[in-house]
Amino acid sequence: MTSAIEPIGAIGGLTGAAPIAPIDTTLDIGATTGVEGAGKADFASTLASSLQQVQDMQHKTSDLSVQAATGTLSDVHDYMIASAESGIATQLTSAVRNKAVEAFQEIMRMQA
């Protein structure tokens, strides 16, 4: 039998420390379809929204790099974080694409 893990409260002795909120473990991955019932994510819309998020990250990184170059960026950490997030998201997108191409090629090699 399993029980839920309780959130960690404020540490005694520290003033002004707020309790830590529990982690939300629900997953909302996009729109649903009525093909096989409610609750199933539509692959095409999930893929499109994921690609849009990657593109938005790249635009944010580009905007922050322009601000850094012109001297209007107030905190260089924002640019570094956005750059790292954008790079990782791009690498993940490329890896998923490569796996999809490999799967397609494998299907095409199958004999009917």
PDB file of N, CA and C in Angstrom:
ATOM      1  N   MET A   1       0.843  -1.166   0.000  1.00  0.00           N
ATOM      2  CA  MET A   1       0.000   0.000   0.000  1.00  0.00           C
ATOM      3  C   MET A   1       0.894   1.237   0.000  1.00  0.00           C
ATOM      4  N   THR A   2       0.577   2.205  -0.835  1.00  0.00           N
ATOM      5  CA  THR A   2       1.377   3.416  -0.898  1.00  0.00           C
ATOM      6  C   THR A   2       0.593   4.582  -0.313  1.00  0.00           C
ATOM      7  N   SER A   3       1.319   5.538   0.189  1.00  0.00           N
ATOM      8  CA  SER A   3       0.685   6.743   0.715  1.00  0.00           C
ATOM      9  C   SER A   3       1.351   7.950   0.085  1.00  0.00           C
ATOM     10  N   ALA A   4       0.619   9.034   0.025  1.00  0.00           N
ATOM     11  CA  ALA A   4       1.133  10.252  -0.586  1.00  0.00           C
ATOM     12  C   ALA A   4       2.238  10.832   0.284  1.00  0.00           C
ATOM     13  N   ILE A   5       3.230  11.423  -0.349  1.00  0.00           N
ATOM     14  CA  ILE A   5       4.310  12.078   0.376  1.00  0.00           C
ATOM     15  C   ILE A   5       3.843  13.478   0.735  1.00  0.00           C
ATOM     16  N   GLU A   6       3.941  13.792   1.983  1.00  0.00           N
ATOM     17  CA  GLU A   6       3.498  15.099   2.454  1.00  0.00           C
ATOM     18  C   GLU A   6       4.520  16.164   2.060  1.00  0.00           C
ATOM     19  N   PRO A   7       4.061  17.400   1.744  1.00  0.00           N
ATOM     20  CA  PRO A   7       5.001  18.466   1.406  1.00  0.00           C
ATOM     21  C   PRO A   7       5.817  18.878   2.626  1.00  0.00           C
ATOM     22  N   ILE A   8       7.013  19.358   2.380  1.00  0.00           N
ATOM     23  CA  ILE A   8       7.893  19.808   3.446  1.00  0.00           C
ATOM     24  C   ILE A   8       7.419  21.183   3.907  1.00  0.00           C
ATOM     25  N   GLY A   9       7.253  21.352   5.181  1.00  0.00           N
ATOM     26  CA  GLY A   9       6.821  22.631   5.727  1.00  0.00           C
ATOM     27  C   GLY A   9       7.996  23.583   5.880  1.00  0.00           C
ATOM     28  N   ALA A  10       7.718  24.750   6.420  1.00  0.00           N
ATOM     29  CA  ALA A  10       8.764  25.749   6.638  1.00  0.00           C
ATOM     30  C   ALA A  10       9.751  25.231   7.670  1.00  0.00           C
ATOM     31  N   ILE A  11      11.002  25.589   7.489  1.00  0.00           N
ATOM     32  CA  ILE A  11      12.044  25.156   8.409  1.00  0.00           C
ATOM     33  C   ILE A  11      11.990  26.064   9.631  1.00  0.00           C
ATOM     34  N   GLY A  12      11.943  25.442  10.808  1.00  0.00           N
ATOM     35  CA  GLY A  12      11.898  26.220  12.034  1.00  0.00           C
ATOM     36  C   GLY A  12      13.171  27.027  12.203  1.00  0.00           C
ATOM     37  N   GLY A  13      13.064  28.208  12.754  1.00  0.00           N
ATOM     38  CA  GLY A  13      14.219  29.051  12.981  1.00  0.00           C
ATOM     39  C   GLY A  13      14.407  30.092  11.887  1.00  0.00           C
ATOM     40  N   LEU A  14      13.845  29.871  10.728  1.00  0.00           N
ATOM     41  CA  LEU A  14      13.915  30.865   9.667  1.00  0.00           C
ATOM     42  C   LEU A  14      12.662  31.721   9.727  1.00  0.00           C
ATOM     43  N   THR A  15      12.825  32.996   9.649  1.00  0.00           N
ATOM     44  CA  THR A  15      11.660  33.868   9.668  1.00  0.00           C
ATOM     45  C   THR A  15      11.273  34.207   8.236  1.00  0.00           C
ATOM     46  N   GLY A  16       9.995  34.205   7.990  1.00  0.00           N
ATOM     47  CA  GLY A  16       9.484  34.572   6.674  1.00  0.00           C
ATOM     48  C   GLY A  16       9.526  33.451   5.661  1.00  0.00           C
ATOM     49  N   ALA A  17       9.906  32.246   6.069  1.00  0.00           N
ATOM     50  CA  ALA A  17       9.955  31.129   5.126  1.00  0.00           C
ATOM     51  C   ALA A  17       8.557  30.563   4.945  1.00  0.00           C
ATOM     52  N   ALA A  18       8.125  30.478   3.704  1.00  0.00           N
ATOM     53  CA  ALA A  18       6.806  29.930   3.403  1.00  0.00           C
ATOM     54  C   ALA A  18       6.926  28.435   3.174  1.00  0.00           C
ATOM     55  N   PRO A  19       5.875  27.677   3.464  1.00  0.00           N
ATOM     56  CA  PRO A  19       5.930  26.240   3.194  1.00  0.00           C
ATOM     57  C   PRO A  19       6.057  25.968   1.697  1.00  0.00           C
ATOM     58  N   ILE A  20       6.702  24.872   1.370  1.00  0.00           N
ATOM     59  CA  ILE A  20       6.893  24.480  -0.020  1.00  0.00           C
ATOM     60  C   ILE A  20       5.614  23.809  -0.509  1.00  0.00           C
ATOM     61  N   ALA A  21       5.140  24.246  -1.664  1.00  0.00           N
ATOM     62  CA  ALA A  21       3.915  23.678  -2.229  1.00  0.00           C
ATOM     63  C   ALA A  21       4.205  22.291  -2.791  1.00  0.00           C
ATOM     64  N   PRO A  22       3.231  21.386  -2.735  1.00  0.00           N
ATOM     65  CA  PRO A  22       3.457  20.060  -3.312  1.00  0.00           C
ATOM     66  C   PRO A  22       3.611  20.150  -4.827  1.00  0.00           C
ATOM     67  N   ILE A  23       4.311  19.197  -5.386  1.00  0.00           N
ATOM     68  CA  ILE A  23       4.555  19.149  -6.827  1.00  0.00           C
ATOM     69  C   ILE A  23       3.304  18.648  -7.527  1.00  0.00           C
ATOM     70  N   ASP A  24       2.920  19.343  -8.605  1.00  0.00           N
ATOM     71  CA  ASP A  24       1.768  18.931  -9.397  1.00  0.00           C
ATOM     72  C   ASP A  24       2.214  17.830 -10.352  1.00  0.00           C
ATOM     73  N   THR A  25       1.672  16.627 -10.165  1.00  0.00           N
ATOM     74  CA  THR A  25       2.086  15.492 -10.982  1.00  0.00           C
ATOM     75  C   THR A  25       1.130  15.204 -12.132  1.00  0.00           C
ATOM     76  N   THR A  26       0.146  16.065 -12.357  1.00  0.00           N
ATOM     77  CA  THR A  26      -0.770  15.839 -13.462  1.00  0.00           C
ATOM     78  C   THR A  26      -0.097  16.260 -14.761  1.00  0.00           C
ATOM     79  N   LEU A  27      -0.472  15.635 -15.841  1.00  0.00           N
ATOM     80  CA  LEU A  27       0.115  15.911 -17.138  1.00  0.00           C
ATOM     81  C   LEU A  27      -0.985  16.328 -18.093  1.00  0.00           C
ATOM     82  N   ASP A  28      -0.884  17.555 -18.596  1.00  0.00           N
ATOM     83  CA  ASP A  28      -1.841  18.064 -19.570  1.00  0.00           C
ATOM     84  C   ASP A  28      -1.078  18.269 -20.862  1.00  0.00           C
ATOM     85  N   ILE A  29      -1.281  17.371 -21.838  1.00  0.00           N
ATOM     86  CA  ILE A  29      -0.471  17.421 -23.051  1.00  0.00           C
ATOM     87  C   ILE A  29      -1.227  17.919 -24.265  1.00  0.00           C
ATOM     88  N   GLY A  30      -2.337  18.553 -24.087  1.00  0.00           N
ATOM     89  CA  GLY A  30      -2.974  19.160 -25.245  1.00  0.00           C
ATOM     90  C   GLY A  30      -4.417  18.759 -25.429  1.00  0.00           C
ATOM     91  N   ALA A  31      -4.868  18.972 -26.649  1.00  0.00           N
ATOM     92  CA  ALA A  31      -6.270  18.741 -26.977  1.00  0.00           C
ATOM     93  C   ALA A  31      -6.603  17.253 -26.982  1.00  0.00           C
ATOM     94  N   THR A  32      -7.875  16.964 -26.820  1.00  0.00           N
ATOM     95  CA  THR A  32      -8.322  15.581 -26.858  1.00  0.00           C
ATOM     96  C   THR A  32      -9.167  15.354 -28.097  1.00  0.00           C
ATOM     97  N   THR A  33      -9.265  14.114 -28.490  1.00  0.00           N
ATOM     98  CA  THR A  33     -10.078  13.774 -29.652  1.00  0.00           C
ATOM     99  C   THR A  33     -11.133  12.778 -29.238  1.00  0.00           C
ATOM    100  N   GLY A  34     -12.121  12.625 -30.077  1.00  0.00           N
ATOM    101  CA  GLY A  34     -13.181  11.678 -29.800  1.00  0.00           C
ATOM    102  C   GLY A  34     -12.989  10.379 -30.552  1.00  0.00           C
ATOM    103  N   VAL A  35     -11.796  10.130 -31.105  1.00  0.00           N
ATOM    104  CA  VAL A  35     -11.561   8.945 -31.911  1.00  0.00           C
ATOM    105  C   VAL A  35     -11.739   7.682 -31.081  1.00  0.00           C
ATOM    106  N   GLU A  36     -11.050   7.615 -29.963  1.00  0.00           N
ATOM    107  CA  GLU A  36     -11.159   6.446 -29.102  1.00  0.00           C
ATOM    108  C   GLU A  36     -11.576   6.854 -27.691  1.00  0.00           C
ATOM    109  N   GLY A  37     -12.314   7.921 -27.588  1.00  0.00           N
ATOM    110  CA  GLY A  37     -12.781   8.361 -26.285  1.00  0.00           C
ATOM    111  C   GLY A  37     -12.037   9.591 -25.810  1.00  0.00           C
ATOM    112  N   ALA A  38     -12.615  10.232 -24.829  1.00  0.00           N
ATOM    113  CA  ALA A  38     -12.020  11.445 -24.281  1.00  0.00           C
ATOM    114  C   ALA A  38     -10.786  11.091 -23.473  1.00  0.00           C
ATOM    115  N   GLY A  39      -9.880  12.053 -23.349  1.00  0.00           N
ATOM    116  CA  GLY A  39      -8.685  11.854 -22.563  1.00  0.00           C
ATOM    117  C   GLY A  39      -7.466  11.481 -23.380  1.00  0.00           C
ATOM    118  N   LYS A  40      -7.623  11.149 -24.617  1.00  0.00           N
ATOM    119  CA  LYS A  40      -6.496  10.803 -25.470  1.00  0.00           C
ATOM    120  C   LYS A  40      -6.029  12.066 -26.196  1.00  0.00           C
ATOM    121  N   ALA A  41      -4.732  12.279 -26.191  1.00  0.00           N
ATOM    122  CA  ALA A  41      -4.188  13.475 -26.834  1.00  0.00           C
ATOM    123  C   ALA A  41      -4.100  13.258 -28.344  1.00  0.00           C
ATOM    124  N   ASP A  42      -4.389  14.291 -29.091  1.00  0.00           N
ATOM    125  CA  ASP A  42      -4.256  14.268 -30.535  1.00  0.00           C
ATOM    126  C   ASP A  42      -2.780  14.457 -30.870  1.00  0.00           C
ATOM    127  N   PHE A  43      -2.163  13.474 -31.507  1.00  0.00           N
ATOM    128  CA  PHE A  43      -0.734  13.498 -31.766  1.00  0.00           C
ATOM    129  C   PHE A  43      -0.323  14.714 -32.583  1.00  0.00           C
ATOM    130  N   ALA A  44      -1.068  15.018 -33.627  1.00  0.00           N
ATOM    131  CA  ALA A  44      -0.703  16.135 -34.505  1.00  0.00           C
ATOM    132  C   ALA A  44      -0.722  17.461 -33.755  1.00  0.00           C
ATOM    133  N   SER A  45      -1.752  17.689 -32.937  1.00  0.00           N
ATOM    134  CA  SER A  45      -1.821  18.961 -32.207  1.00  0.00           C
ATOM    135  C   SER A  45      -0.758  19.033 -31.120  1.00  0.00           C
ATOM    136  N   THR A  46      -0.443  17.896 -30.497  1.00  0.00           N
ATOM    137  CA  THR A  46       0.612  17.872 -29.491  1.00  0.00           C
ATOM    138  C   THR A  46       1.964  18.173 -30.126  1.00  0.00           C
ATOM    139  N   LEU A  47       2.217  17.565 -31.271  1.00  0.00           N
ATOM    140  CA  LEU A  47       3.456  17.807 -31.985  1.00  0.00           C
ATOM    141  C   LEU A  47       3.559  19.263 -32.433  1.00  0.00           C
ATOM    142  N   ALA A  48       2.476  19.800 -32.963  1.00  0.00           N
ATOM    143  CA  ALA A  48       2.476  21.190 -33.425  1.00  0.00           C
ATOM    144  C   ALA A  48       2.707  22.153 -32.267  1.00  0.00           C
ATOM    145  N   SER A  49       2.056  21.905 -31.123  1.00  0.00           N
ATOM    146  CA  SER A  49       2.236  22.821 -29.998  1.00  0.00           C
ATOM    147  C   SER A  49       3.655  22.707 -29.437  1.00  0.00           C
ATOM    148  N   SER A  50       4.235  21.519 -29.459  1.00  0.00           N
ATOM    149  CA  SER A  50       5.611  21.350 -28.988  1.00  0.00           C
ATOM    150  C   SER A  50       6.595  22.098 -29.891  1.00  0.00           C
ATOM    151  N   LEU A  51       6.395  21.988 -31.190  1.00  0.00           N
ATOM    152  CA  LEU A  51       7.257  22.715 -32.119  1.00  0.00           C
ATOM    153  C   LEU A  51       7.089  24.226 -31.975  1.00  0.00           C
ATOM    154  N   GLN A  52       5.868  24.665 -31.701  1.00  0.00           N
ATOM    155  CA  GLN A  52       5.625  26.087 -31.480  1.00  0.00           C
ATOM    156  C   GLN A  52       6.344  26.566 -30.223  1.00  0.00           C
ATOM    157  N   GLN A  53       6.347  25.737 -29.178  1.00  0.00           N
ATOM    158  CA  GLN A  53       7.058  26.103 -27.947  1.00  0.00           C
ATOM    159  C   GLN A  53       8.560  26.227 -28.193  1.00  0.00           C
ATOM    160  N   VAL A  54       9.128  25.322 -28.983  1.00  0.00           N
ATOM    161  CA  VAL A  54      10.548  25.403 -29.314  1.00  0.00           C
ATOM    162  C   VAL A  54      10.832  26.677 -30.095  1.00  0.00           C
ATOM    163  N   GLN A  55       9.969  26.984 -31.046  1.00  0.00           N
ATOM    164  CA  GLN A  55      10.158  28.201 -31.834  1.00  0.00           C
ATOM    165  C   GLN A  55      10.038  29.442 -30.946  1.00  0.00           C
ATOM    166  N   ASP A  56       9.102  29.452 -30.008  1.00  0.00           N
ATOM    167  CA  ASP A  56       8.961  30.577 -29.089  1.00  0.00           C
ATOM    168  C   ASP A  56      10.210  30.744 -28.223  1.00  0.00           C
ATOM    169  N   MET A  57      10.789  29.617 -27.788  1.00  0.00           N
ATOM    170  CA  MET A  57      12.027  29.678 -27.001  1.00  0.00           C
ATOM    171  C   MET A  57      13.151  30.293 -27.821  1.00  0.00           C
ATOM    172  N   GLN A  58      13.239  29.915 -29.091  1.00  0.00           N
ATOM    173  CA  GLN A  58      14.289  30.444 -29.947  1.00  0.00           C
ATOM    174  C   GLN A  58      14.106  31.938 -30.192  1.00  0.00           C
ATOM    175  N   HIS A  59      12.846  32.382 -30.349  1.00  0.00           N
ATOM    176  CA  HIS A  59      12.587  33.814 -30.526  1.00  0.00           C
ATOM    177  C   HIS A  59      12.952  34.589 -29.261  1.00  0.00           C
ATOM    178  N   LYS A  60      12.620  34.035 -28.096  1.00  0.00           N
ATOM    179  CA  LYS A  60      12.954  34.694 -26.829  1.00  0.00           C
ATOM    180  C   LYS A  60      14.464  34.820 -26.691  1.00  0.00           C
ATOM    181  N   THR A  61      15.188  33.747 -27.017  1.00  0.00           N
ATOM    182  CA  THR A  61      16.647  33.779 -26.942  1.00  0.00           C
ATOM    183  C   THR A  61      17.215  34.807 -27.905  1.00  0.00           C
ATOM    184  N   SER A  62      16.646  34.873 -29.097  1.00  0.00           N
ATOM    185  CA  SER A  62      17.101  35.849 -30.090  1.00  0.00           C
ATOM    186  C   SER A  62      16.863  37.277 -29.605  1.00  0.00           C
ATOM    187  N   ASP A  63      15.690  37.528 -29.051  1.00  0.00           N
ATOM    188  CA  ASP A  63      15.390  38.863 -28.526  1.00  0.00           C
ATOM    189  C   ASP A  63      16.337  39.249 -27.396  1.00  0.00           C
ATOM    190  N   LEU A  64      16.606  38.294 -26.500  1.00  0.00           N
ATOM    191  CA  LEU A  64      17.508  38.577 -25.389  1.00  0.00           C
ATOM    192  C   LEU A  64      18.937  38.793 -25.870  1.00  0.00           C
ATOM    193  N   SER A  65      19.349  38.090 -26.937  1.00  0.00           N
ATOM    194  CA  SER A  65      20.704  38.295 -27.456  1.00  0.00           C
ATOM    195  C   SER A  65      20.840  39.680 -28.086  1.00  0.00           C
ATOM    196  N   VAL A  66      19.789  40.155 -28.724  1.00  0.00           N
ATOM    197  CA  VAL A  66      19.812  41.510 -29.282  1.00  0.00           C
ATOM    198  C   VAL A  66      19.912  42.524 -28.143  1.00  0.00           C
ATOM    199  N   GLN A  67      19.156  42.289 -27.069  1.00  0.00           N
ATOM    200  CA  GLN A  67      19.232  43.189 -25.913  1.00  0.00           C
ATOM    201  C   GLN A  67      20.629  43.174 -25.306  1.00  0.00           C
ATOM    202  N   ALA A  68      21.255  42.010 -25.251  1.00  0.00           N
ATOM    203  CA  ALA A  68      22.611  41.913 -24.706  1.00  0.00           C
ATOM    204  C   ALA A  68      23.598  42.658 -25.597  1.00  0.00           C
ATOM    205  N   ALA A  69      23.426  42.557 -26.904  1.00  0.00           N
ATOM    206  CA  ALA A  69      24.340  43.220 -27.832  1.00  0.00           C
ATOM    207  C   ALA A  69      24.189  44.738 -27.795  1.00  0.00           C
ATOM    208  N   THR A  70      22.970  45.213 -27.561  1.00  0.00           N
ATOM    209  CA  THR A  70      22.739  46.657 -27.535  1.00  0.00           C
ATOM    210  C   THR A  70      22.945  47.258 -26.150  1.00  0.00           C
ATOM    211  N   GLY A  71      23.138  46.417 -25.151  1.00  0.00           N
ATOM    212  CA  GLY A  71      23.388  46.921 -23.804  1.00  0.00           C
ATOM    213  C   GLY A  71      22.132  47.228 -23.010  1.00  0.00           C
ATOM    214  N   THR A  72      20.966  46.802 -23.492  1.00  0.00           N
ATOM    215  CA  THR A  72      19.718  47.078 -22.772  1.00  0.00           C
ATOM    216  C   THR A  72      19.268  45.915 -21.904  1.00  0.00           C
ATOM    217  N   LEU A  73      20.021  44.825 -21.889  1.00  0.00           N
ATOM    218  CA  LEU A  73      19.663  43.662 -21.082  1.00  0.00           C
ATOM    219  C   LEU A  73      20.051  43.930 -19.636  1.00  0.00           C
ATOM    220  N   SER A  74      19.067  43.839 -18.741  1.00  0.00           N
ATOM    221  CA  SER A  74      19.324  44.166 -17.337  1.00  0.00           C
ATOM    222  C   SER A  74      19.985  43.014 -16.589  1.00  0.00           C
ATOM    223  N   ASP A  75      19.693  41.785 -16.963  1.00  0.00           N
ATOM    224  CA  ASP A  75      20.246  40.641 -16.253  1.00  0.00           C
ATOM    225  C   ASP A  75      20.725  39.603 -17.263  1.00  0.00           C
ATOM    226  N   VAL A  76      22.025  39.380 -17.313  1.00  0.00           N
ATOM    227  CA  VAL A  76      22.601  38.450 -18.278  1.00  0.00           C
ATOM    228  C   VAL A  76      22.171  37.011 -17.983  1.00  0.00           C
ATOM    229  N   HIS A  77      21.759  36.748 -16.746  1.00  0.00           N
ATOM    230  CA  HIS A  77      21.319  35.392 -16.402  1.00  0.00           C
ATOM    231  C   HIS A  77      20.084  34.985 -17.210  1.00  0.00           C
ATOM    232  N   ASP A  78      19.211  35.950 -17.480  1.00  0.00           N
ATOM    233  CA  ASP A  78      18.017  35.651 -18.273  1.00  0.00           C
ATOM    234  C   ASP A  78      18.405  35.118 -19.654  1.00  0.00           C
ATOM    235  N   TYR A  79      19.399  35.763 -20.269  1.00  0.00           N
ATOM    236  CA  TYR A  79      19.850  35.324 -21.587  1.00  0.00           C
ATOM    237  C   TYR A  79      20.493  33.948 -21.519  1.00  0.00           C
ATOM    238  N   MET A  80      21.324  33.725 -20.524  1.00  0.00           N
ATOM    239  CA  MET A  80      22.017  32.435 -20.405  1.00  0.00           C
ATOM    240  C   MET A  80      21.026  31.299 -20.186  1.00  0.00           C
ATOM    241  N   ILE A  81      20.013  31.520 -19.355  1.00  0.00           N
ATOM    242  CA  ILE A  81      19.003  30.497 -19.091  1.00  0.00           C
ATOM    243  C   ILE A  81      18.193  30.227 -20.358  1.00  0.00           C
ATOM    244  N   ALA A  82      17.756  31.296 -21.029  1.00  0.00           N
ATOM    245  CA  ALA A  82      16.972  31.133 -22.255  1.00  0.00           C
ATOM    246  C   ALA A  82      17.789  30.429 -23.330  1.00  0.00           C
ATOM    247  N   SER A  83      19.067  30.747 -23.415  1.00  0.00           N
ATOM    248  CA  SER A  83      19.927  30.110 -24.404  1.00  0.00           C
ATOM    249  C   SER A  83      20.080  28.618 -24.130  1.00  0.00           C
ATOM    250  N   ALA A  84      20.274  28.261 -22.861  1.00  0.00           N
ATOM    251  CA  ALA A  84      20.410  26.853 -22.509  1.00  0.00           C
ATOM    252  C   ALA A  84      19.113  26.091 -22.767  1.00  0.00           C
ATOM    253  N   GLU A  85      17.977  26.682 -22.379  1.00  0.00           N
ATOM    254  CA  GLU A  85      16.681  26.033 -22.608  1.00  0.00           C
ATOM    255  C   GLU A  85      16.432  25.833 -24.094  1.00  0.00           C
ATOM    256  N   SER A  86      16.721  26.851 -24.878  1.00  0.00           N
ATOM    257  CA  SER A  86      16.513  26.775 -26.321  1.00  0.00           C
ATOM    258  C   SER A  86      17.402  25.712 -26.951  1.00  0.00           C
ATOM    259  N   GLY A  87      18.643  25.633 -26.523  1.00  0.00           N
ATOM    260  CA  GLY A  87      19.563  24.644 -27.060  1.00  0.00           C
ATOM    261  C   GLY A  87      19.124  23.224 -26.741  1.00  0.00           C
ATOM    262  N   ILE A  88      18.712  22.997 -25.504  1.00  0.00           N
ATOM    263  CA  ILE A  88      18.269  21.664 -25.099  1.00  0.00           C
ATOM    264  C   ILE A  88      16.991  21.278 -25.845  1.00  0.00           C
ATOM    265  N   ALA A  89      16.056  22.219 -25.976  1.00  0.00           N
ATOM    266  CA  ALA A  89      14.810  21.938 -26.689  1.00  0.00           C
ATOM    267  C   ALA A  89      15.079  21.625 -28.157  1.00  0.00           C
ATOM    268  N   THR A  90      16.021  22.340 -28.755  1.00  0.00           N
ATOM    269  CA  THR A  90      16.367  22.081 -30.152  1.00  0.00           C
ATOM    270  C   THR A  90      17.015  20.710 -30.312  1.00  0.00           C
ATOM    271  N   GLN A  91      17.892  20.345 -29.386  1.00  0.00           N
ATOM    272  CA  GLN A  91      18.516  19.016 -29.430  1.00  0.00           C
ATOM    273  C   GLN A  91      17.479  17.913 -29.276  1.00  0.00           C
ATOM    274  N   LEU A  92      16.527  18.103 -28.365  1.00  0.00           N
ATOM    275  CA  LEU A  92      15.476  17.110 -28.166  1.00  0.00           C
ATOM    276  C   LEU A  92      14.610  16.982 -29.412  1.00  0.00           C
ATOM    277  N   THR A  93      14.253  18.108 -30.011  1.00  0.00           N
ATOM    278  CA  THR A  93      13.440  18.086 -31.232  1.00  0.00           C
ATOM    279  C   THR A  93      14.174  17.359 -32.347  1.00  0.00           C
ATOM    280  N   SER A  94      15.455  17.606 -32.471  1.00  0.00           N
ATOM    281  CA  SER A  94      16.250  16.938 -33.498  1.00  0.00           C
ATOM    282  C   SER A  94      16.322  15.436 -33.243  1.00  0.00           C
ATOM    283  N   ALA A  95      16.488  15.038 -31.996  1.00  0.00           N
ATOM    284  CA  ALA A  95      16.553  13.611 -31.667  1.00  0.00           C
ATOM    285  C   ALA A  95      15.228  12.910 -31.956  1.00  0.00           C
ATOM    286  N   VAL A  96      14.112  13.562 -31.623  1.00  0.00           N
ATOM    287  CA  VAL A  96      12.793  12.984 -31.898  1.00  0.00           C
ATOM    288  C   VAL A  96      12.584  12.853 -33.401  1.00  0.00           C
ATOM    289  N   ARG A  97      12.978  13.878 -34.144  1.00  0.00           N
ATOM    290  CA  ARG A  97      12.860  13.821 -35.598  1.00  0.00           C
ATOM    291  C   ARG A  97      13.681  12.675 -36.174  1.00  0.00           C
ATOM    292  N   ASN A  98      14.915  12.519 -35.686  1.00  0.00           N
ATOM    293  CA  ASN A  98      15.768  11.439 -36.175  1.00  0.00           C
ATOM    294  C   ASN A  98      15.160  10.074 -35.892  1.00  0.00           C
ATOM    295  N   LYS A  99      14.595   9.892 -34.709  1.00  0.00           N
ATOM    296  CA  LYS A  99      13.956   8.617 -34.368  1.00  0.00           C
ATOM    297  C   LYS A  99      12.726   8.377 -35.243  1.00  0.00           C
ATOM    298  N   ALA A 100      11.967   9.420 -35.544  1.00  0.00           N
ATOM    299  CA  ALA A 100      10.799   9.269 -36.404  1.00  0.00           C
ATOM    300  C   ALA A 100      11.207   8.871 -37.817  1.00  0.00           C
ATOM    301  N   VAL A 101      12.274   9.461 -38.322  1.00  0.00           N
ATOM    302  CA  VAL A 101      12.768   9.118 -39.656  1.00  0.00           C
ATOM    303  C   VAL A 101      13.260   7.676 -39.672  1.00  0.00           C
ATOM    304  N   GLU A 102      13.988   7.263 -38.616  1.00  0.00           N
ATOM    305  CA  GLU A 102      14.451   5.879 -38.537  1.00  0.00           C
ATOM    306  C   GLU A 102      13.272   4.906 -38.509  1.00  0.00           C
ATOM    307  N   ALA A 103      12.237   5.239 -37.745  1.00  0.00           N
ATOM    308  CA  ALA A 103      11.058   4.366 -37.675  1.00  0.00           C
ATOM    309  C   ALA A 103      10.373   4.286 -39.033  1.00  0.00           C
ATOM    310  N   PHE A 104      10.259   5.410 -39.723  1.00  0.00           N
ATOM    311  CA  PHE A 104       9.647   5.421 -41.049  1.00  0.00           C
ATOM    312  C   PHE A 104      10.452   4.561 -42.011  1.00  0.00           C
ATOM    313  N   GLN A 105      11.775   4.706 -41.982  1.00  0.00           N
ATOM    314  CA  GLN A 105      12.621   3.904 -42.870  1.00  0.00           C
ATOM    315  C   GLN A 105      12.505   2.421 -42.554  1.00  0.00           C
ATOM    316  N   GLU A 106      12.413   2.075 -41.295  1.00  0.00           N
ATOM    317  CA  GLU A 106      12.250   0.675 -40.908  1.00  0.00           C
ATOM    318  C   GLU A 106      10.913   0.117 -41.416  1.00  0.00           C
ATOM    319  N   ILE A 107       9.866   0.905 -41.318  1.00  0.00           N
ATOM    320  CA  ILE A 107       8.557   0.482 -41.826  1.00  0.00           C
ATOM    321  C   ILE A 107       8.624   0.291 -43.343  1.00  0.00           C
ATOM    322  N   MET A 108       9.310   1.170 -44.025  1.00  0.00           N
ATOM    323  CA  MET A 108       9.411   1.078 -45.485  1.00  0.00           C
ATOM    324  C   MET A 108      10.217  -0.157 -45.908  1.00  0.00           C
ATOM    325  N   ARG A 109      11.136  -0.639 -45.063  1.00  0.00           N
ATOM    326  CA  ARG A 109      11.932  -1.824 -45.394  1.00  0.00           C
ATOM    327  C   ARG A 109      11.160  -3.133 -45.160  1.00  0.00           C
ATOM    328  N   MET A 110      10.061  -3.047 -44.418  1.00  0.00           N
ATOM    329  CA  MET A 110       9.284  -4.261 -44.149  1.00  0.00           C
ATOM    330  C   MET A 110       8.646  -4.776 -45.426  1.00  0.00           C
ATOM    331  N   GLN A 111       8.597  -6.100 -45.556  1.00  0.00           N
ATOM    332  CA  GLN A 111       7.960  -6.676 -46.728  1.00  0.00           C
ATOM    333  C   GLN A 111       6.486  -6.867 -46.438  1.00  0.00           C
ATOM    334  N   ALA A 112       5.694  -6.631 -47.438  1.00  0.00           N
ATOM    335  CA  ALA A 112       4.233  -6.730 -47.274  1.00  0.00           C
ATOM    336  C   ALA A 112       3.748  -8.140 -47.213  1.00  0.00           C
TER     337      ALA A 112
END
